[in-house]
Amino acid sequence: MLVRIYLRASTDEQDASRARSQLEAFAAERGLIVAATYVENESGAKLARPELFRLLSDARPGDILLIEQVDRLSRLTAADWQKLRVELDKRQVRVVALDLPTSWVLAAPADDFTGRMFTAINGMMLDVLAAVARKDYDDRRRRQAQGQARAKLEGVYRGRPENAKRNDGIAAMLKAGASWSQIQSATGCSRATVAKIAKRRA
């Protein structure tokens, strides 16, 4: 049983690795081996996340996908969440989240009956928390849009300032022939940001 830690943050400005030590401590306390750690700055509302799917590709049946909170794995729509659940089930990957104590049982050896029972309970709780995470995402987006609309009416909306220094560096790396993956690794930016800068240069 190997542990694969998944760390995600939504924007380049957030520290995706913030919970790494907490997750490593959880694994160490249970004598579990961390096979790899996967870090990315992508929205949890997107199903297409390169590091998440690299994790799933690397995983073997029985491996643990360890996350801090369920919303780090999913803020997906119901349809996309079901697609991800199919992938998890197909690969027989166990999802263990620090904010879901019922899932902790899956990080320890158990007899067949106990394992099946807690897998079922954990699956149900994952569905509930994934739905809550999506609702929270939709609510925040709606409030944000309302605030922006109000600010525009009042003539005070400016939008988020661009990180010009970082983006100039990305443009220079693109010009020098660096790959998108190399740029992401060097700058910690998302693939969407590299694409935006590359489009600008086209």
Protein backbone atom coordinates (compact mmCIF):
# COMPACT_ATOMS: atom_id res chain seq x y z
CA MET A 1 0.00 0.00 0.00
CA LEU A 2 1.67 3.21 -1.22
CA VAL A 3 0.62 6.79 -0.59
CA ARG A 4 0.42 9.37 -3.35
CA ILE A 5 0.01 12.88 -1.98
CA TYR A 6 -2.01 15.33 -4.06
CA LEU A 7 -1.61 19.06 -3.41
CA ARG A 8 -3.61 21.66 -5.31
CA ALA A 9 -4.18 25.39 -5.17
CA SER A 10 -6.43 27.36 -7.50
CA THR A 11 -4.11 30.22 -8.47
CA ASP A 12 -0.41 30.89 -8.98
CA GLU A 13 -0.46 33.24 -5.99
CA GLN A 14 -1.51 30.44 -3.60
CA ASP A 15 0.93 27.93 -2.11
CA ALA A 16 -0.16 24.51 -3.33
CA SER A 17 2.45 22.82 -1.11
CA ARG A 18 1.14 24.39 2.10
CA ALA A 19 -0.25 21.12 3.53
CA ARG A 20 2.65 18.86 2.47
CA SER A 21 4.17 18.45 5.96
CA GLN A 22 0.77 17.70 7.52
CA LEU A 23 0.04 14.98 4.95
CA GLU A 24 3.54 13.49 5.26
CA ALA A 25 3.10 13.37 9.07
CA PHE A 26 -0.25 11.57 8.66
CA ALA A 27 1.41 8.92 6.49
CA ALA A 28 4.44 8.58 8.80
CA GLU A 29 2.24 8.10 11.88
CA ARG A 30 0.67 5.08 10.16
CA GLY A 31 3.91 3.64 8.84
CA LEU A 32 2.90 4.31 5.24
CA ILE A 33 5.37 4.93 2.43
CA VAL A 34 4.91 8.07 0.33
CA ALA A 35 5.66 7.00 -3.24
CA ALA A 36 5.32 10.47 -4.77
CA THR A 37 3.88 13.94 -4.29
CA TYR A 38 1.93 15.68 -7.06
CA VAL A 39 1.58 19.47 -6.94
CA GLU A 40 -0.34 21.78 -9.24
CA ASN A 41 -1.96 25.18 -9.43
CA GLU A 42 -5.23 24.47 -11.20
CA SER A 43 -8.89 25.07 -10.43
CA GLY A 44 -10.64 22.22 -8.65
CA ALA A 45 -13.61 22.98 -10.91
CA LYS A 46 -11.60 21.62 -13.87
CA LEU A 47 -11.47 17.90 -14.56
CA ALA A 48 -8.46 18.26 -16.88
CA ARG A 49 -5.62 18.53 -14.34
CA PRO A 50 -2.27 17.13 -15.57
CA GLU A 51 -0.79 16.26 -12.17
CA LEU A 52 -3.96 14.59 -10.89
CA PHE A 53 -4.11 12.36 -13.95
CA ARG A 54 -0.38 11.67 -13.76
CA LEU A 55 -1.03 10.45 -10.22
CA LEU A 56 -3.85 8.19 -11.42
CA SER A 57 -1.66 6.89 -14.22
CA ASP A 58 1.15 6.07 -11.76
CA ALA A 59 -1.12 4.50 -9.15
CA ARG A 60 -1.48 0.77 -8.62
CA PRO A 61 -4.55 -1.02 -7.20
CA GLY A 62 -4.80 -0.35 -3.47
CA ASP A 63 -2.71 2.83 -3.51
CA ILE A 64 -3.89 5.76 -1.41
CA LEU A 65 -4.59 9.19 -2.87
CA LEU A 66 -3.97 11.40 0.18
CA ILE A 67 -5.42 14.93 0.31
CA GLU A 68 -5.88 17.60 2.94
CA GLN A 69 -9.54 18.26 2.13
CA VAL A 70 -12.02 16.83 -0.36
CA ASP A 71 -12.25 20.22 -2.10
CA ARG A 72 -8.55 19.86 -3.04
CA LEU A 73 -9.63 16.91 -5.17
CA SER A 74 -12.95 18.20 -6.45
CA ARG A 75 -15.04 21.29 -6.93
CA LEU A 76 -16.38 19.58 -10.03
CA THR A 77 -19.86 19.53 -11.48
CA ALA A 78 -21.86 16.38 -10.73
CA ALA A 79 -21.14 14.98 -14.22
CA ASP A 80 -17.38 15.58 -14.00
CA TRP A 81 -17.23 14.23 -10.46
CA GLN A 82 -18.81 11.00 -11.65
CA LYS A 83 -16.19 10.74 -14.41
CA LEU A 84 -13.44 11.15 -11.82
CA ARG A 85 -15.08 8.61 -9.51
CA VAL A 86 -15.14 6.11 -12.40
CA GLU A 87 -11.38 6.63 -12.88
CA LEU A 88 -10.70 6.20 -9.16
CA ASP A 89 -12.82 3.05 -8.99
CA LYS A 90 -11.34 1.61 -12.17
CA ARG A 91 -7.82 2.04 -10.84
CA GLN A 92 -8.87 0.87 -7.34
CA VAL A 93 -7.36 3.98 -5.74
CA ARG A 94 -8.43 4.71 -2.16
CA VAL A 95 -9.14 8.38 -1.38
CA VAL A 96 -8.11 9.41 2.13
CA ALA A 97 -8.75 12.99 3.25
CA LEU A 98 -7.69 14.59 6.52
CA ASP A 99 -11.12 16.28 6.78
CA LEU A 100 -12.93 12.95 6.33
CA PRO A 101 -12.16 10.73 9.38
CA THR A 102 -14.20 7.81 8.00
CA SER A 103 -11.62 7.57 5.21
CA TRP A 104 -8.72 7.06 7.63
CA VAL A 105 -9.74 3.42 8.05
CA LEU A 106 -8.76 2.89 4.40
CA ALA A 107 -5.17 3.81 5.34
CA ALA A 108 -4.86 0.72 7.55
CA PRO A 109 -5.06 -3.02 6.88
CA ALA A 110 -8.56 -4.44 7.37
CA ASP A 111 -10.46 -7.65 6.80
CA ASP A 112 -12.61 -7.96 3.67
CA PHE A 113 -15.91 -7.08 5.37
CA THR A 114 -14.53 -4.00 7.18
CA GLY A 115 -12.76 -2.85 4.03
CA ARG A 116 -15.89 -3.15 1.90
CA MET A 117 -18.08 -1.47 4.50
CA PHE A 118 -15.82 1.55 4.96
CA THR A 119 -15.22 1.81 1.21
CA ALA A 120 -18.99 2.14 0.77
CA ILE A 121 -19.34 4.65 3.61
CA ASN A 122 -16.36 6.62 2.37
CA GLY A 123 -17.75 6.70 -1.18
CA MET A 124 -21.03 8.14 0.06
CA MET A 125 -19.27 10.77 2.20
CA LEU A 126 -16.99 11.71 -0.71
CA ASP A 127 -20.06 12.30 -2.88
CA VAL A 128 -21.61 14.52 -0.19
CA LEU A 129 -18.45 16.58 0.41
CA ALA A 130 -17.80 16.91 -3.34
CA ALA A 131 -21.33 18.29 -3.76
CA VAL A 132 -20.78 20.72 -0.85
CA ALA A 133 -17.45 21.84 -2.35
CA ARG A 134 -19.12 22.51 -5.71
CA LYS A 135 -21.94 24.48 -4.05
CA ASP A 136 -19.37 26.56 -2.16
CA TYR A 137 -17.55 27.22 -5.46
CA ASP A 138 -20.77 28.26 -7.23
CA ASP A 139 -21.82 30.48 -4.31
CA ARG A 140 -18.45 32.26 -4.22
CA ARG A 141 -18.45 32.77 -7.98
CA ARG A 142 -21.96 34.22 -7.82
CA ARG A 143 -21.04 36.60 -4.98
CA GLN A 144 -17.87 37.60 -6.82
CA ALA A 145 -19.83 38.36 -10.01
CA GLN A 146 -22.36 40.39 -8.03
CA GLY A 147 -19.55 42.37 -6.38
CA GLN A 148 -17.84 43.02 -9.70
CA ALA A 149 -21.11 44.13 -11.32
CA ARG A 150 -21.72 46.54 -8.44
CA ALA A 151 -18.16 47.87 -8.65
CA LYS A 152 -18.47 48.37 -12.42
CA LEU A 153 -21.68 50.34 -11.94
CA GLU A 154 -19.87 52.51 -9.39
CA GLY A 155 -16.87 52.86 -11.70
CA VAL A 156 -14.39 51.40 -9.24
CA TYR A 157 -13.74 47.91 -10.68
CA ARG A 158 -10.18 47.39 -11.91
CA GLY A 159 -9.76 43.59 -11.92
CA ARG A 160 -6.75 41.69 -10.56
CA PRO A 161 -3.39 43.32 -11.42
CA GLU A 162 -1.14 41.29 -13.71
CA ASN A 163 2.14 39.89 -12.41
CA ALA A 164 4.13 41.67 -15.11
CA LYS A 165 7.59 40.61 -13.88
CA ARG A 166 6.67 36.92 -13.84
CA ASN A 167 4.88 37.12 -17.19
CA ASP A 168 7.88 38.85 -18.80
CA GLY A 169 10.01 35.97 -17.53
CA ILE A 170 7.60 33.43 -19.02
CA ALA A 171 7.69 35.26 -22.36
CA ALA A 172 11.51 35.22 -22.29
CA MET A 173 11.56 31.49 -21.52
CA LEU A 174 9.13 30.80 -24.36
CA LYS A 175 11.33 32.84 -26.71
CA ALA A 176 14.35 30.81 -25.58
CA GLY A 177 12.54 27.60 -26.50
CA ALA A 178 11.72 26.27 -23.03
CA SER A 179 8.88 23.76 -22.86
CA TRP A 180 5.63 24.61 -21.10
CA SER A 181 6.38 21.99 -18.43
CA GLN A 182 9.81 23.49 -17.79
CA ILE A 183 8.25 26.94 -17.46
CA GLN A 184 5.59 25.69 -15.05
CA SER A 185 8.25 23.97 -12.94
CA ALA A 186 10.48 27.07 -12.88
CA THR A 187 7.80 29.66 -12.18
CA GLY A 188 5.08 27.68 -10.36
CA CYS A 189 2.47 29.10 -12.73
CA SER A 190 -0.47 27.25 -14.21
CA ARG A 191 -0.56 25.85 -17.74
CA ALA A 192 -3.35 28.33 -18.49
CA THR A 193 -0.99 31.21 -17.68
CA VAL A 194 1.71 29.85 -20.01
CA ALA A 195 -0.93 29.44 -22.74
CA LYS A 196 -2.09 33.04 -22.25
CA ILE A 197 1.46 34.41 -22.58
CA ALA A 198 2.17 32.14 -25.57
CA LYS A 199 -1.01 33.39 -27.30
CA ARG A 200 0.09 36.96 -26.71
CA ARG A 201 3.39 36.26 -28.47
CA ALA A 202 1.73 34.55 -31.45
